[in-house]
Amino acid sequence: MTDYHVPSVSMAAQALKLLARYKYRSCTLTELSEALHVSKTTCLRVMRTLVNEDFVHYDEATKKYGLGPYLIPLGNRASELINSVACATQEMRKVAAATGMTTVLVQRMRDDRLMYIATAEAPRDEIRISVSVGQQFPLTAAAFGRCFLAFESEEEWEKYTARGLQKYTEGTVTDPLLWRRRLLETRKRGYAVSHGESREGLSAIAAPIFGGDDVPLLVMACIAFTSQLRDEDLEDVVNTLLPVTKRLSMGSFHAFASQV
């Protein structure tokens, strides 16, 4: 697809993505313009347009912008249309209840980024790990990214190691040979485990959900505090998670992929 770029549309999209993040859910014009690296005049023009279309709400009392009411039916309609995500979200909630861990769905974005698109917290979990839907993070860090990268060609892996693997924590794997070995393990086992590789103190157990062409469309993962994760817990999570991701890969995702 030709890479067309319309600055005003691009900025409007960036503004909506920014306001979708918990940290920026309510922002002044100054805060928005600084976060988006644009002038206040340009930012004001775009924000007024979004307000007029109900994509953004402006609070006269606080002088702050937030997501608008029209995004609610728009988001609901998108969820209905994306059958694969809706089906995976239902299964994700069951996994969270069965494992007692926060469970997430992760999608690969452009520019080597991943994004949380759904999350479910276990009802009985006393110490919860909260995840913000829409939050993005690097592809190469931790179990989530390995589930996407493991099923690419080894030539693609070389591109990442050639430009250097970024370190996010003391546990981040930056050695090219070890990183490659972890990808091969993930490809063989069908799941990945990481401990404190992208955030200190957090572990993730992740497995890919494949489309009809055997390319990972999504990754489902359980997140836990590393200090609370025992070996037997890890085994139980894998035994709960893998049947679900395999069932989704063989069922609804193949059907969905054949329709688009």
Protein backbone atom coordinates (compact mmCIF):
# COMPACT_ATOMS: atom_id res chain seq x y z
CA MET A 1 0.00 0.00 0.00
CA THR A 2 1.26 3.47 -0.90
CA ASP A 3 2.33 5.38 2.20
CA TYR A 4 0.11 8.47 1.95
CA HIS A 5 0.45 11.04 4.70
CA VAL A 6 -2.02 13.81 5.51
CA PRO A 7 -0.55 15.82 8.42
CA SER A 8 -3.85 16.94 9.96
CA VAL A 9 -5.34 13.44 9.84
CA SER A 10 -2.14 11.98 11.25
CA MET A 11 -2.16 14.47 14.11
CA ALA A 12 -5.82 13.79 14.87
CA ALA A 13 -5.09 10.06 15.04
CA GLN A 14 -2.09 10.66 17.31
CA ALA A 15 -4.21 12.85 19.58
CA LEU A 16 -6.87 10.16 19.94
CA LYS A 17 -4.23 7.51 20.67
CA LEU A 18 -2.68 9.78 23.28
CA LEU A 19 -5.99 10.47 25.03
CA ALA A 20 -6.67 6.72 25.07
CA ARG A 21 -3.70 6.24 27.38
CA TYR A 22 -4.51 6.36 31.09
CA LYS A 23 -1.75 8.87 31.81
CA TYR A 24 -3.13 11.33 29.23
CA ARG A 25 -6.86 10.65 29.64
CA SER A 26 -7.47 14.31 30.51
CA CYS A 27 -5.17 16.98 29.04
CA THR A 28 -4.98 20.72 28.57
CA LEU A 29 -4.13 22.16 25.16
CA THR A 30 -0.59 22.88 26.35
CA GLU A 31 -0.11 19.31 27.55
CA LEU A 32 -1.41 17.94 24.26
CA SER A 33 0.72 20.20 22.08
CA GLU A 34 3.84 19.35 24.07
CA ALA A 35 3.16 15.60 24.00
CA LEU A 36 2.44 15.70 20.25
CA HIS A 37 5.34 18.08 19.52
CA VAL A 38 3.20 20.57 17.59
CA SER A 39 2.34 24.23 18.05
CA LYS A 40 -0.65 25.16 20.20
CA THR A 41 -2.29 26.84 17.20
CA THR A 42 -2.11 23.69 15.08
CA CYS A 43 -3.19 21.53 18.00
CA LEU A 44 -6.16 23.78 18.79
CA ARG A 45 -7.41 23.63 15.20
CA VAL A 46 -7.35 19.83 15.13
CA MET A 47 -8.84 19.44 18.61
CA ARG A 48 -11.75 21.78 17.81
CA THR A 49 -12.54 19.67 14.76
CA LEU A 50 -12.51 16.49 16.85
CA VAL A 51 -14.75 18.14 19.45
CA ASN A 52 -17.23 19.18 16.75
CA GLU A 53 -17.39 15.57 15.55
CA ASP A 54 -17.82 14.23 19.14
CA PHE A 55 -14.59 12.23 18.95
CA VAL A 56 -13.20 14.42 21.73
CA HIS A 57 -14.92 16.07 24.71
CA TYR A 58 -13.84 19.49 25.99
CA ASP A 59 -14.56 20.39 29.61
CA GLU A 60 -15.12 24.14 29.86
CA ALA A 61 -14.57 24.13 33.63
CA THR A 62 -11.20 22.38 33.66
CA LYS A 63 -10.10 23.43 30.15
CA LYS A 64 -9.15 19.82 29.48
CA TYR A 65 -9.75 17.43 26.60
CA GLY A 66 -10.75 13.76 26.85
CA LEU A 67 -12.14 11.07 24.60
CA GLY A 68 -15.60 11.89 23.27
CA PRO A 69 -18.93 10.04 23.35
CA TYR A 70 -19.00 8.99 19.70
CA LEU A 71 -16.03 6.69 20.26
CA ILE A 72 -18.20 4.42 22.42
CA PRO A 73 -20.55 3.18 19.66
CA LEU A 74 -17.65 3.28 17.22
CA GLY A 75 -15.57 1.02 19.45
CA ASN A 76 -18.49 -1.31 20.11
CA ARG A 77 -19.12 -1.63 16.39
CA ALA A 78 -15.46 -2.36 15.73
CA SER A 79 -15.52 -5.12 18.34
CA GLU A 80 -18.56 -6.67 16.69
CA LEU A 81 -16.89 -6.62 13.28
CA ILE A 82 -13.62 -8.07 14.47
CA ASN A 83 -14.99 -11.51 15.31
CA SER A 84 -11.59 -12.99 16.00
CA VAL A 85 -10.80 -10.49 18.73
CA ALA A 86 -14.26 -10.83 20.28
CA CYS A 87 -13.90 -14.61 20.45
CA ALA A 88 -10.37 -14.40 21.88
CA THR A 89 -11.53 -11.86 24.48
CA GLN A 90 -14.16 -14.27 25.78
CA GLU A 91 -11.56 -17.02 26.11
CA MET A 92 -9.12 -14.59 27.73
CA ARG A 93 -11.56 -13.96 30.58
CA LYS A 94 -11.85 -17.71 31.18
CA VAL A 95 -8.07 -18.04 31.32
CA ALA A 96 -7.86 -15.20 33.86
CA ALA A 97 -10.46 -16.88 36.05
CA ALA A 98 -8.77 -20.28 35.80
CA THR A 99 -5.21 -19.09 36.46
CA GLY A 100 -5.91 -16.29 38.92
CA MET A 101 -3.65 -14.01 36.87
CA THR A 102 -4.16 -10.88 34.83
CA THR A 103 -4.53 -12.05 31.23
CA VAL A 104 -4.02 -9.89 28.14
CA LEU A 105 -4.37 -9.93 24.38
CA VAL A 106 -1.49 -8.35 22.49
CA GLN A 107 -1.44 -7.20 18.86
CA ARG A 108 1.53 -6.31 16.72
CA MET A 109 1.58 -2.75 15.42
CA ARG A 110 3.74 -0.89 12.95
CA ASP A 111 7.25 0.29 13.78
CA ASP A 112 8.10 -2.82 15.83
CA ARG A 113 5.62 -2.04 18.58
CA LEU A 114 3.12 -4.19 20.45
CA MET A 115 -0.14 -3.03 22.01
CA TYR A 116 -2.52 -4.35 24.65
CA ILE A 117 -5.94 -4.61 22.99
CA ALA A 118 -7.81 -6.37 25.80
CA THR A 119 -7.24 -7.31 29.42
CA ALA A 120 -8.99 -9.32 32.12
CA GLU A 121 -8.20 -9.35 35.82
CA ALA A 122 -8.84 -12.47 37.87
CA PRO A 123 -11.76 -11.86 40.27
CA ARG A 124 -10.03 -13.59 43.17
CA ASP A 125 -6.61 -11.99 42.69
CA GLU A 126 -5.83 -10.00 45.84
CA ILE A 127 -2.84 -8.12 44.40
CA ARG A 128 -3.83 -7.15 40.88
CA ILE A 129 -1.64 -6.13 37.99
CA SER A 130 -3.48 -3.43 36.07
CA VAL A 131 -2.82 -3.07 32.35
CA SER A 132 -4.06 -0.18 30.20
CA VAL A 133 -5.68 -1.13 26.91
CA GLY A 134 -3.92 0.84 24.17
CA GLN A 135 -0.58 0.88 25.97
CA GLN A 136 2.30 0.14 23.59
CA PHE A 137 5.71 -1.39 24.21
CA PRO A 138 8.70 -2.74 22.21
CA LEU A 139 8.45 -5.85 20.06
CA THR A 140 11.82 -7.29 21.04
CA ALA A 141 11.27 -7.29 24.80
CA ALA A 142 9.92 -10.26 26.76
CA ALA A 143 7.64 -13.21 25.99
CA PHE A 144 5.01 -11.27 24.02
CA GLY A 145 7.39 -10.27 21.26
CA ARG A 146 9.05 -13.68 21.09
CA CYS A 147 5.70 -15.24 20.25
CA PHE A 148 5.48 -13.02 17.17
CA LEU A 149 9.13 -13.12 16.14
CA ALA A 150 9.69 -16.85 16.65
CA PHE A 151 7.64 -17.66 13.59
CA GLU A 152 9.41 -15.26 11.25
CA SER A 153 12.40 -16.28 9.15
CA GLU A 154 15.85 -16.31 10.70
CA GLU A 155 16.83 -13.69 8.12
CA GLU A 156 14.33 -11.37 9.78
CA TRP A 157 15.92 -12.08 13.15
CA GLU A 158 19.25 -10.93 11.77
CA LYS A 159 17.80 -7.49 11.07
CA TYR A 160 17.05 -6.98 14.76
CA THR A 161 20.38 -8.29 16.04
CA ALA A 162 22.29 -6.30 13.42
CA ARG A 163 21.00 -2.99 14.77
CA GLY A 164 21.40 -4.09 18.39
CA LEU A 165 18.95 -5.37 20.98
CA GLN A 166 17.86 -2.64 23.36
CA LYS A 167 18.15 -3.19 27.11
CA TYR A 168 15.09 -2.30 29.20
CA THR A 169 15.93 -4.01 32.51
CA GLU A 170 18.73 -6.05 33.99
CA GLY A 171 16.85 -9.14 32.79
CA THR A 172 16.52 -8.08 29.15
CA VAL A 173 18.15 -10.52 26.74
CA THR A 174 20.58 -8.51 24.61
CA ASP A 175 23.05 -11.23 23.61
CA PRO A 176 22.23 -12.13 19.96
CA LEU A 177 22.99 -15.84 20.36
CA LEU A 178 20.88 -16.20 23.51
CA TRP A 179 18.08 -14.13 21.96
CA ARG A 180 18.07 -16.38 18.90
CA ARG A 181 18.08 -19.50 21.11
CA ARG A 182 15.06 -18.20 23.00
CA LEU A 183 13.21 -17.69 19.71
CA LEU A 184 14.00 -21.24 18.60
CA GLU A 185 12.73 -22.55 21.96
CA THR A 186 9.51 -20.57 21.55
CA ARG A 187 9.01 -21.90 18.03
CA LYS A 188 9.50 -25.48 19.24
CA ARG A 189 7.40 -25.29 22.42
CA GLY A 190 4.66 -23.02 21.12
CA TYR A 191 4.88 -20.60 24.04
CA ALA A 192 7.33 -18.23 25.72
CA VAL A 193 8.16 -17.29 29.30
CA SER A 194 9.99 -14.19 30.49
CA HIS A 195 10.98 -12.91 33.92
CA GLY A 196 11.63 -9.20 34.39
CA GLU A 197 12.76 -8.64 30.80
CA SER A 198 10.64 -5.59 30.03
CA ARG A 199 9.55 -4.57 33.55
CA GLU A 200 11.36 -5.43 36.75
CA GLY A 201 9.51 -7.90 38.94
CA LEU A 202 6.96 -9.05 36.37
CA SER A 203 6.78 -12.40 34.59
CA ALA A 204 4.80 -13.28 31.48
CA ILE A 205 3.68 -16.60 30.03
CA ALA A 206 2.58 -16.05 26.44
CA ALA A 207 1.33 -18.10 23.49
CA PRO A 208 0.50 -17.10 19.90
CA ILE A 209 -2.87 -17.33 18.21
CA PHE A 210 -2.40 -18.11 14.52
CA GLY A 211 -4.34 -17.10 11.44
CA GLY A 212 -5.03 -19.26 8.42
CA ASP A 213 -1.53 -18.69 7.03
CA ASP A 214 0.12 -19.86 10.26
CA VAL A 215 1.25 -16.34 11.10
CA PRO A 216 0.56 -15.12 14.66
CA LEU A 217 -2.34 -12.65 14.64
CA LEU A 218 -2.49 -12.11 18.39
CA VAL A 219 -0.71 -13.24 21.51
CA MET A 220 -2.51 -14.21 24.71
CA ALA A 221 -0.49 -13.93 27.90
CA CYS A 222 -0.77 -14.25 31.67
CA ILE A 223 1.12 -11.74 33.81
CA ALA A 224 2.29 -12.34 37.37
CA PHE A 225 4.69 -10.99 39.94
CA THR A 226 7.91 -12.95 39.55
CA SER A 227 8.30 -13.30 43.31
CA GLN A 228 4.91 -15.04 43.55
CA LEU A 229 5.30 -17.37 40.55
CA ARG A 230 6.23 -20.91 41.58
CA ASP A 231 7.34 -23.65 39.17
CA GLU A 232 4.09 -25.53 39.66
CA ASP A 233 2.14 -22.32 38.95
CA LEU A 234 4.04 -21.89 35.70
CA GLU A 235 3.19 -25.42 34.61
CA ASP A 236 -0.49 -24.93 35.47
CA VAL A 237 -0.65 -21.69 33.47
CA VAL A 238 0.94 -23.31 30.41
CA ASN A 239 -1.50 -26.23 30.64
CA THR A 240 -4.41 -23.78 30.81
CA LEU A 241 -3.20 -21.29 28.20
CA LEU A 242 -1.98 -23.58 25.40
CA PRO A 243 -5.23 -25.50 24.78
CA VAL A 244 -7.06 -22.18 24.49
CA THR A 245 -4.66 -20.58 22.00
CA LYS A 246 -4.50 -23.79 19.95
CA ARG A 247 -8.29 -24.03 19.85
CA LEU A 248 -8.57 -20.41 18.74
CA SER A 249 -5.90 -20.97 16.08
CA MET A 250 -7.72 -23.98 14.64
CA GLY A 251 -11.19 -22.51 14.87
CA SER A 252 -12.46 -18.97 14.71
CA PHE A 253 -9.25 -17.37 13.53
CA HIS A 254 -9.00 -19.58 10.45
CA ALA A 255 -12.64 -18.86 9.66
CA PHE A 256 -12.12 -15.13 10.13
CA ALA A 257 -8.92 -15.04 8.05
CA SER A 258 -10.66 -16.73 5.13
CA GLN A 259 -13.33 -14.01 5.07
CA VAL A 260 -11.02 -10.99 4.82
